[in-house]
N, C-alpha and C. Protein backbone atom coordinates (compact mmCIF):
# COMPACT_ATOMS: atom_id res chain seq x y z
N MET A 1 87.13 186.49 107.78
CA MET A 1 88.50 186.45 107.29
C MET A 1 88.76 185.18 106.48
N LYS A 2 88.26 184.03 106.98
CA LYS A 2 88.44 182.77 106.25
C LYS A 2 87.76 182.83 104.89
N GLN A 3 86.59 183.48 104.86
CA GLN A 3 85.86 183.56 103.61
C GLN A 3 86.63 184.40 102.58
N LYS A 4 87.29 185.48 103.01
CA LYS A 4 88.09 186.29 102.09
C LYS A 4 89.27 185.49 101.56
N MET A 5 89.92 184.71 102.43
CA MET A 5 91.05 183.89 101.99
C MET A 5 90.58 182.84 100.99
N ARG A 6 89.44 182.22 101.27
CA ARG A 6 88.89 181.21 100.39
C ARG A 6 88.56 181.83 99.03
N LEU A 7 87.97 183.01 99.02
CA LEU A 7 87.62 183.70 97.79
C LEU A 7 88.88 184.06 97.01
N GLY A 8 89.93 184.51 97.68
CA GLY A 8 91.19 184.83 97.02
C GLY A 8 91.82 183.59 96.38
N TRP A 9 91.80 182.48 97.09
CA TRP A 9 92.35 181.23 96.58
C TRP A 9 91.56 180.77 95.36
N LEU A 10 90.25 180.85 95.42
CA LEU A 10 89.39 180.45 94.31
C LEU A 10 89.63 181.34 93.09
N THR A 11 89.76 182.64 93.30
CA THR A 11 90.01 183.57 92.20
C THR A 11 91.33 183.24 91.51
N TRP A 12 92.39 183.03 92.30
CA TRP A 12 93.69 182.70 91.71
C TRP A 12 93.68 181.35 91.02
N THR A 13 92.93 180.40 91.55
CA THR A 13 92.81 179.09 90.91
C THR A 13 92.12 179.23 89.55
N LEU A 14 91.03 179.99 89.49
CA LEU A 14 90.33 180.21 88.22
C LEU A 14 91.20 180.95 87.22
N ILE A 15 91.93 181.95 87.68
CA ILE A 15 92.84 182.68 86.79
C ILE A 15 93.90 181.72 86.24
N GLY A 16 94.43 180.87 87.10
CA GLY A 16 95.43 179.89 86.67
C GLY A 16 94.88 178.92 85.63
N ILE A 17 93.67 178.44 85.84
CA ILE A 17 93.04 177.52 84.89
C ILE A 17 92.84 178.19 83.54
N VAL A 18 92.34 179.42 83.56
CA VAL A 18 92.13 180.17 82.32
C VAL A 18 93.47 180.39 81.61
N LEU A 19 94.49 180.77 82.35
CA LEU A 19 95.80 181.02 81.78
C LEU A 19 96.38 179.76 81.14
N VAL A 20 96.28 178.63 81.83
CA VAL A 20 96.77 177.36 81.27
C VAL A 20 95.98 177.03 80.00
N GLY A 21 94.67 177.23 80.02
CA GLY A 21 93.85 176.97 78.83
C GLY A 21 94.25 177.84 77.65
N VAL A 22 94.48 179.10 77.90
CA VAL A 22 94.88 180.02 76.83
C VAL A 22 96.24 179.62 76.27
N LEU A 23 97.18 179.29 77.14
CA LEU A 23 98.52 178.88 76.68
C LEU A 23 98.46 177.59 75.87
N LEU A 24 97.65 176.62 76.34
CA LEU A 24 97.48 175.37 75.57
C LEU A 24 96.91 175.67 74.19
N ARG A 25 95.89 176.51 74.15
CA ARG A 25 95.24 176.85 72.88
C ARG A 25 96.19 177.57 71.93
N LEU A 26 97.00 178.47 72.46
CA LEU A 26 97.91 179.24 71.61
C LEU A 26 99.10 178.45 71.11
N PHE A 27 99.66 177.60 71.96
CA PHE A 27 100.93 176.98 71.64
C PHE A 27 100.92 175.47 71.47
N VAL A 28 99.87 174.77 71.90
CA VAL A 28 99.91 173.32 71.85
C VAL A 28 98.76 172.75 71.02
N LEU A 29 97.54 172.91 71.46
CA LEU A 29 96.39 172.31 70.79
C LEU A 29 95.57 173.36 70.05
N LYS A 30 95.28 173.07 68.79
CA LYS A 30 94.48 174.00 68.01
C LYS A 30 93.34 173.23 67.34
N PRO A 31 92.11 173.76 67.43
CA PRO A 31 90.98 173.08 66.79
C PRO A 31 90.88 173.42 65.30
N TYR A 32 90.40 172.46 64.52
CA TYR A 32 90.15 172.65 63.09
C TYR A 32 88.84 171.99 62.72
N LEU A 33 88.13 172.60 61.79
CA LEU A 33 86.90 172.04 61.23
C LEU A 33 87.26 171.41 59.89
N ILE A 34 86.80 170.19 59.67
CA ILE A 34 87.07 169.49 58.41
C ILE A 34 85.96 169.86 57.41
N PRO A 35 86.34 170.54 56.30
CA PRO A 35 85.31 171.00 55.37
C PRO A 35 85.01 170.04 54.21
N SER A 36 85.89 169.08 53.95
CA SER A 36 85.72 168.26 52.74
C SER A 36 85.76 166.77 53.06
N ALA A 37 85.49 165.99 52.02
CA ALA A 37 85.45 164.53 52.15
C ALA A 37 86.79 163.87 51.82
N SER A 38 87.87 164.64 51.71
CA SER A 38 89.14 164.09 51.25
C SER A 38 89.78 163.08 52.21
N MET A 39 89.36 163.06 53.47
CA MET A 39 89.95 162.12 54.43
C MET A 39 88.96 161.05 54.88
N GLU A 40 87.84 160.91 54.17
CA GLU A 40 86.90 159.83 54.50
C GLU A 40 87.54 158.50 54.21
N PRO A 41 87.21 157.46 54.93
CA PRO A 41 86.14 157.35 55.91
C PRO A 41 86.54 157.71 57.34
N GLY A 42 87.83 157.88 57.62
CA GLY A 42 88.28 158.13 58.99
C GLY A 42 87.88 159.48 59.55
N ILE A 43 87.98 160.52 58.73
CA ILE A 43 87.62 161.88 59.15
C ILE A 43 86.60 162.40 58.13
N ALA A 44 85.45 162.81 58.62
CA ALA A 44 84.34 163.18 57.74
C ALA A 44 84.13 164.69 57.72
N PRO A 45 83.47 165.20 56.66
CA PRO A 45 83.13 166.62 56.64
C PRO A 45 82.30 166.99 57.88
N GLY A 46 82.63 168.10 58.50
CA GLY A 46 81.93 168.53 59.71
C GLY A 46 82.59 168.08 61.00
N ASP A 47 83.53 167.12 60.91
CA ASP A 47 84.27 166.72 62.11
C ASP A 47 85.12 167.89 62.59
N ARG A 48 85.29 167.97 63.89
CA ARG A 48 86.20 168.96 64.48
C ARG A 48 87.33 168.17 65.14
N ILE A 49 88.56 168.57 64.82
CA ILE A 49 89.73 167.85 65.32
C ILE A 49 90.62 168.78 66.13
N LEU A 50 91.40 168.16 67.03
CA LEU A 50 92.44 168.89 67.76
C LEU A 50 93.79 168.50 67.18
N VAL A 51 94.63 169.51 66.97
CA VAL A 51 95.93 169.30 66.35
C VAL A 51 97.02 169.71 67.33
N ASN A 52 98.00 168.81 67.52
CA ASN A 52 99.15 169.08 68.37
C ASN A 52 100.16 169.90 67.57
N GLN A 53 100.29 171.19 67.90
CA GLN A 53 101.18 172.07 67.16
C GLN A 53 102.65 171.91 67.53
N LEU A 54 102.94 171.16 68.59
CA LEU A 54 104.34 170.96 68.99
C LEU A 54 104.96 169.73 68.33
N SER A 55 104.14 168.85 67.77
CA SER A 55 104.61 167.57 67.22
C SER A 55 105.86 167.69 66.37
N TYR A 56 105.81 168.54 65.37
CA TYR A 56 106.90 168.57 64.40
C TYR A 56 107.96 169.62 64.72
N ARG A 57 107.85 170.22 65.89
CA ARG A 57 108.96 171.06 66.36
C ARG A 57 110.02 170.17 67.02
N PHE A 58 109.60 169.00 67.49
CA PHE A 58 110.50 168.10 68.20
C PHE A 58 110.74 166.77 67.49
N TRP A 59 109.79 166.35 66.64
CA TRP A 59 109.90 165.06 65.96
C TRP A 59 109.61 165.24 64.48
N ALA A 60 110.20 164.37 63.68
CA ALA A 60 109.95 164.37 62.25
C ALA A 60 108.63 163.64 61.97
N PRO A 61 107.95 164.00 60.89
CA PRO A 61 106.73 163.27 60.54
C PRO A 61 107.06 161.83 60.17
N SER A 62 106.10 160.96 60.38
CA SER A 62 106.25 159.53 60.06
C SER A 62 105.19 159.12 59.05
N ARG A 63 105.49 158.09 58.29
CA ARG A 63 104.49 157.57 57.36
C ARG A 63 103.24 157.18 58.14
N GLY A 64 102.09 157.62 57.65
CA GLY A 64 100.83 157.31 58.29
C GLY A 64 100.29 158.43 59.16
N ASP A 65 101.14 159.39 59.54
CA ASP A 65 100.67 160.53 60.33
C ASP A 65 99.62 161.31 59.53
N ILE A 66 98.59 161.77 60.21
CA ILE A 66 97.65 162.69 59.61
C ILE A 66 98.07 164.08 60.06
N VAL A 67 98.37 164.92 59.07
CA VAL A 67 98.96 166.22 59.35
C VAL A 67 98.06 167.36 58.88
N VAL A 68 98.16 168.48 59.58
CA VAL A 68 97.54 169.72 59.16
C VAL A 68 98.67 170.63 58.71
N PHE A 69 98.47 171.30 57.58
CA PHE A 69 99.53 172.12 57.02
C PHE A 69 98.96 173.30 56.25
N ALA A 70 99.81 174.29 56.05
CA ALA A 70 99.45 175.43 55.20
C ALA A 70 99.53 174.96 53.76
N TYR A 71 98.47 175.19 53.01
CA TYR A 71 98.40 174.79 51.60
C TYR A 71 99.48 175.53 50.81
N PRO A 72 100.37 174.83 50.11
CA PRO A 72 101.48 175.49 49.42
C PRO A 72 101.06 176.55 48.39
N ARG A 73 99.91 176.38 47.77
CA ARG A 73 99.48 177.36 46.77
C ARG A 73 98.81 178.59 47.39
N ASP A 74 98.37 178.47 48.64
CA ASP A 74 97.75 179.59 49.36
C ASP A 74 97.94 179.34 50.85
N PRO A 75 99.05 179.80 51.43
CA PRO A 75 99.37 179.51 52.83
C PRO A 75 98.34 180.01 53.85
N ASN A 76 97.35 180.80 53.41
CA ASN A 76 96.27 181.21 54.32
C ASN A 76 95.23 180.11 54.51
N ARG A 77 95.27 179.09 53.67
CA ARG A 77 94.34 177.94 53.78
C ARG A 77 95.08 176.79 54.46
N THR A 78 94.33 175.93 55.16
CA THR A 78 94.93 174.75 55.77
C THR A 78 94.30 173.49 55.19
N PHE A 79 95.11 172.46 55.06
CA PHE A 79 94.66 171.16 54.56
C PHE A 79 95.00 170.10 55.60
N VAL A 80 94.31 168.97 55.49
CA VAL A 80 94.56 167.80 56.32
C VAL A 80 94.77 166.62 55.37
N LYS A 81 95.90 165.95 55.50
CA LYS A 81 96.22 164.79 54.65
C LYS A 81 97.06 163.80 55.45
N ARG A 82 97.31 162.65 54.84
CA ARG A 82 98.13 161.60 55.46
C ARG A 82 99.52 161.59 54.81
N VAL A 83 100.55 161.46 55.62
CA VAL A 83 101.92 161.36 55.12
C VAL A 83 102.13 159.96 54.56
N LEU A 84 102.57 159.89 53.29
CA LEU A 84 102.81 158.59 52.66
C LEU A 84 104.28 158.34 52.39
N ALA A 85 105.01 159.37 51.96
CA ALA A 85 106.43 159.16 51.65
C ALA A 85 107.26 160.27 52.28
N LEU A 86 108.42 159.88 52.76
CA LEU A 86 109.33 160.80 53.45
C LEU A 86 110.53 161.11 52.57
N GLU A 87 111.31 162.11 52.98
CA GLU A 87 112.46 162.51 52.19
C GLU A 87 113.39 161.32 51.95
N GLY A 88 113.87 161.22 50.70
CA GLY A 88 114.77 160.14 50.31
C GLY A 88 114.06 158.90 49.81
N GLU A 89 112.75 158.81 49.98
CA GLU A 89 112.00 157.64 49.53
C GLU A 89 111.45 157.87 48.13
N THR A 90 111.19 156.77 47.43
CA THR A 90 110.59 156.86 46.10
C THR A 90 109.15 156.35 46.20
N VAL A 91 108.22 157.19 45.75
CA VAL A 91 106.79 156.87 45.82
C VAL A 91 106.26 156.62 44.42
N GLU A 92 105.38 155.63 44.32
CA GLU A 92 104.71 155.33 43.07
C GLU A 92 103.30 154.84 43.37
N LEU A 93 102.32 155.34 42.60
CA LEU A 93 100.95 154.87 42.70
C LEU A 93 100.62 154.15 41.41
N ARG A 94 100.24 152.88 41.53
CA ARG A 94 99.82 152.11 40.35
C ARG A 94 98.85 151.03 40.79
N ASP A 95 97.93 150.71 39.91
CA ASP A 95 96.91 149.70 40.20
C ASP A 95 96.17 150.00 41.50
N ASN A 96 95.90 151.29 41.77
CA ASN A 96 95.17 151.73 42.97
C ASN A 96 95.88 151.33 44.27
N GLN A 97 97.20 151.29 44.22
CA GLN A 97 97.99 150.96 45.40
C GLN A 97 99.21 151.89 45.45
N VAL A 98 99.74 152.07 46.67
CA VAL A 98 100.92 152.90 46.87
C VAL A 98 102.13 152.00 47.13
N PHE A 99 103.23 152.33 46.46
CA PHE A 99 104.48 151.62 46.65
C PHE A 99 105.54 152.63 47.08
N ILE A 100 106.25 152.31 48.16
CA ILE A 100 107.35 153.12 48.64
C ILE A 100 108.61 152.28 48.48
N ASN A 101 109.56 152.81 47.72
CA ASN A 101 110.80 152.08 47.42
C ASN A 101 110.50 150.68 46.90
N GLY A 102 109.44 150.59 46.07
CA GLY A 102 109.07 149.32 45.45
C GLY A 102 108.24 148.39 46.32
N GLN A 103 108.03 148.73 47.59
CA GLN A 103 107.27 147.89 48.51
C GLN A 103 105.84 148.40 48.66
N LEU A 104 104.88 147.49 48.59
CA LEU A 104 103.47 147.84 48.75
C LEU A 104 103.21 148.35 50.16
N VAL A 105 102.48 149.46 50.27
CA VAL A 105 102.11 150.03 51.57
C VAL A 105 100.71 149.53 51.92
N ASN A 106 100.57 148.94 53.11
CA ASN A 106 99.27 148.48 53.60
C ASN A 106 98.48 149.70 54.06
N GLU A 107 97.28 149.91 53.49
CA GLU A 107 96.48 151.08 53.83
C GLU A 107 95.04 150.65 54.20
N PRO A 108 94.85 150.12 55.41
CA PRO A 108 93.51 149.65 55.79
C PRO A 108 92.51 150.79 55.97
N TYR A 109 92.97 152.01 56.10
CA TYR A 109 92.13 153.19 56.32
C TYR A 109 91.57 153.76 55.02
N LEU A 110 92.03 153.28 53.89
CA LEU A 110 91.74 153.87 52.58
C LEU A 110 90.30 153.63 52.15
N LYS A 111 89.68 154.68 51.61
CA LYS A 111 88.35 154.54 51.01
C LYS A 111 88.53 153.91 49.63
N PRO A 112 87.81 152.81 49.35
CA PRO A 112 87.98 152.14 48.05
C PRO A 112 87.62 153.06 46.88
N GLY A 113 88.27 152.82 45.77
CA GLY A 113 87.99 153.58 44.56
C GLY A 113 89.21 153.64 43.66
N ASP A 114 88.95 153.90 42.41
CA ASP A 114 90.03 154.00 41.43
C ASP A 114 90.65 155.39 41.45
N TYR A 115 91.95 155.43 41.21
CA TYR A 115 92.64 156.71 41.06
C TYR A 115 93.80 156.50 40.10
N PRO A 116 94.21 157.57 39.42
CA PRO A 116 95.23 157.44 38.38
C PRO A 116 96.62 157.13 38.93
N PRO A 117 97.47 156.56 38.07
CA PRO A 117 98.85 156.29 38.49
C PRO A 117 99.63 157.58 38.69
N PHE A 118 100.73 157.45 39.43
CA PHE A 118 101.60 158.59 39.71
C PHE A 118 103.01 158.07 39.91
N GLY A 119 103.98 158.82 39.43
CA GLY A 119 105.39 158.54 39.69
C GLY A 119 105.95 157.44 38.82
N PRO A 120 107.06 156.88 39.24
CA PRO A 120 107.75 157.06 40.51
C PRO A 120 108.43 158.43 40.63
N GLU A 121 108.48 158.91 41.89
CA GLU A 121 109.13 160.17 42.20
C GLU A 121 109.89 160.02 43.51
N THR A 122 111.13 160.46 43.52
CA THR A 122 111.94 160.44 44.74
C THR A 122 111.76 161.76 45.48
N ILE A 123 111.51 161.66 46.78
CA ILE A 123 111.22 162.83 47.60
C ILE A 123 112.55 163.48 48.01
N PRO A 124 112.76 164.76 47.64
CA PRO A 124 114.01 165.44 48.00
C PRO A 124 114.02 165.83 49.49
N PRO A 125 115.17 166.22 50.01
CA PRO A 125 115.26 166.64 51.42
C PRO A 125 114.27 167.77 51.73
N LYS A 126 113.81 167.77 52.98
CA LYS A 126 112.92 168.80 53.53
C LYS A 126 111.53 168.81 52.91
N ASN A 127 111.11 167.68 52.30
CA ASN A 127 109.79 167.55 51.71
C ASN A 127 109.17 166.22 52.10
N ILE A 128 107.85 166.15 51.99
CA ILE A 128 107.11 164.90 52.19
C ILE A 128 106.03 164.81 51.11
N PHE A 129 105.50 163.62 50.93
CA PHE A 129 104.43 163.36 49.97
C PHE A 129 103.18 163.02 50.76
N VAL A 130 102.09 163.76 50.55
CA VAL A 130 100.86 163.56 51.32
C VAL A 130 99.69 163.26 50.38
N LEU A 131 98.79 162.39 50.86
CA LEU A 131 97.59 162.02 50.11
C LEU A 131 96.39 162.02 51.04
N GLY A 132 95.21 162.26 50.47
CA GLY A 132 93.98 162.08 51.22
C GLY A 132 93.61 160.60 51.24
N ASP A 133 92.86 160.17 52.24
CA ASP A 133 92.43 158.77 52.32
C ASP A 133 91.34 158.48 51.29
N ASN A 134 90.62 159.50 50.86
CA ASN A 134 89.60 159.39 49.83
C ASN A 134 90.23 159.90 48.53
N ARG A 135 91.02 159.05 47.90
CA ARG A 135 91.88 159.47 46.79
C ARG A 135 91.12 160.06 45.61
N ARG A 136 89.87 159.68 45.44
CA ARG A 136 89.08 160.19 44.31
C ARG A 136 88.63 161.64 44.55
N GLN A 137 88.59 162.07 45.81
CA GLN A 137 88.11 163.42 46.13
C GLN A 137 89.14 164.20 46.93
N SER A 138 90.41 164.03 46.60
CA SER A 138 91.45 164.68 47.38
C SER A 138 92.38 165.50 46.50
N GLU A 139 92.55 166.75 46.87
CA GLU A 139 93.54 167.61 46.25
C GLU A 139 94.79 167.45 47.10
N ASP A 140 95.83 166.83 46.55
CA ASP A 140 97.00 166.47 47.37
C ASP A 140 98.28 166.55 46.55
N SER A 141 99.33 165.89 47.02
CA SER A 141 100.65 165.98 46.38
C SER A 141 100.66 165.52 44.93
N ARG A 142 99.70 164.71 44.54
CA ARG A 142 99.62 164.31 43.13
C ARG A 142 99.33 165.51 42.24
N GLU A 143 98.56 166.46 42.77
CA GLU A 143 98.13 167.63 41.99
C GLU A 143 99.05 168.82 42.14
N TRP A 144 99.39 169.21 43.36
CA TRP A 144 100.15 170.44 43.59
C TRP A 144 101.59 170.20 44.02
N GLY A 145 102.01 168.95 44.06
CA GLY A 145 103.42 168.66 44.31
C GLY A 145 103.73 168.30 45.76
N LEU A 146 105.00 168.23 46.05
CA LEU A 146 105.47 167.81 47.37
C LEU A 146 105.20 168.90 48.40
N LEU A 147 105.08 168.47 49.65
CA LEU A 147 104.83 169.41 50.74
C LEU A 147 106.15 169.73 51.45
N PRO A 148 106.58 170.99 51.42
CA PRO A 148 107.76 171.37 52.21
C PRO A 148 107.46 171.18 53.70
N LYS A 149 108.37 170.57 54.42
CA LYS A 149 108.12 170.28 55.84
C LYS A 149 107.90 171.53 56.68
N ASN A 150 108.41 172.67 56.23
CA ASN A 150 108.21 173.89 57.02
C ASN A 150 106.77 174.42 56.91
N TYR A 151 105.92 173.81 56.08
CA TYR A 151 104.51 174.16 55.99
C TYR A 151 103.66 173.40 57.02
N LEU A 152 104.26 172.41 57.68
CA LEU A 152 103.52 171.62 58.66
C LEU A 152 103.10 172.47 59.85
N ILE A 153 101.85 172.34 60.25
CA ILE A 153 101.33 173.03 61.43
C ILE A 153 101.32 172.09 62.62
N GLY A 154 100.91 170.85 62.39
CA GLY A 154 100.88 169.89 63.49
C GLY A 154 100.27 168.57 63.08
N LYS A 155 100.20 167.69 64.07
CA LYS A 155 99.68 166.34 63.88
C LYS A 155 98.26 166.26 64.45
N ALA A 156 97.35 165.74 63.63
CA ALA A 156 95.97 165.56 64.08
C ALA A 156 95.93 164.49 65.16
N GLY A 157 95.23 164.78 66.27
CA GLY A 157 95.24 163.86 67.39
C GLY A 157 93.91 163.23 67.73
N VAL A 158 92.84 164.02 67.69
CA VAL A 158 91.55 163.50 68.14
C VAL A 158 90.41 164.22 67.43
N ILE A 159 89.35 163.46 67.13
CA ILE A 159 88.09 164.07 66.71
C ILE A 159 87.33 164.31 68.00
N TYR A 160 86.94 165.57 68.25
CA TYR A 160 86.24 165.88 69.49
C TYR A 160 84.77 166.25 69.28
N TYR A 161 84.34 166.41 68.02
CA TYR A 161 82.96 166.73 67.73
C TYR A 161 82.65 166.30 66.31
N PRO A 162 81.49 165.76 66.03
CA PRO A 162 80.33 165.53 66.88
C PRO A 162 80.59 164.43 67.91
N ILE A 163 79.84 164.48 68.98
CA ILE A 163 80.07 163.61 70.13
C ILE A 163 80.09 162.14 69.77
N GLN A 164 79.21 161.71 68.87
CA GLN A 164 79.16 160.28 68.51
C GLN A 164 80.38 159.84 67.72
N ARG A 165 81.21 160.79 67.26
CA ARG A 165 82.42 160.44 66.50
C ARG A 165 83.71 160.67 67.29
N ILE A 166 83.62 160.96 68.57
CA ILE A 166 84.83 161.20 69.37
C ILE A 166 85.74 159.98 69.29
N LYS A 167 87.00 160.22 68.90
CA LYS A 167 87.99 159.13 68.83
C LYS A 167 89.38 159.70 68.57
N PHE A 168 90.37 158.91 68.92
CA PHE A 168 91.75 159.26 68.56
C PHE A 168 91.94 158.97 67.09
N ILE A 169 92.69 159.81 66.42
CA ILE A 169 92.92 159.69 64.99
C ILE A 169 94.15 158.83 64.77
N ARG A 170 94.03 157.85 63.89
CA ARG A 170 95.15 156.96 63.55
C ARG A 170 95.33 156.93 62.06
């Protein structure tokens, strides 16, 4: 009798664990494979990341967040970029540097290299300006325009594979 009770408890525990895992996967954490070099050096091609899908349901994006979003030109594709300018701010790229409202943005994560000037452009409501960290190899807001905030899927949180690259994303 004790063995049947123990087996029943174990079965329900396993069902509960599987159910929690499925719910987390569906509604909270979603894995993505990074296919390009646009976010190097921090995120490399072949990295697998976990994205918090609840982030922007409760909080607004912040400058510096690495976000996953539906590509505005083809919403069936997803991109990963860094938020640089928020609604109401004016962004300008000149001399290989980013200026927000005339102030230089410190970007220690940036891959060195030359890239063309952009702006100044003021970000309208319900939009953000996103760039890749590898500006020379990034298709981003400079090319296809501002990102509507309703295209945001979530905030990148951690690289979980390959094992030697496991880390929280900043």
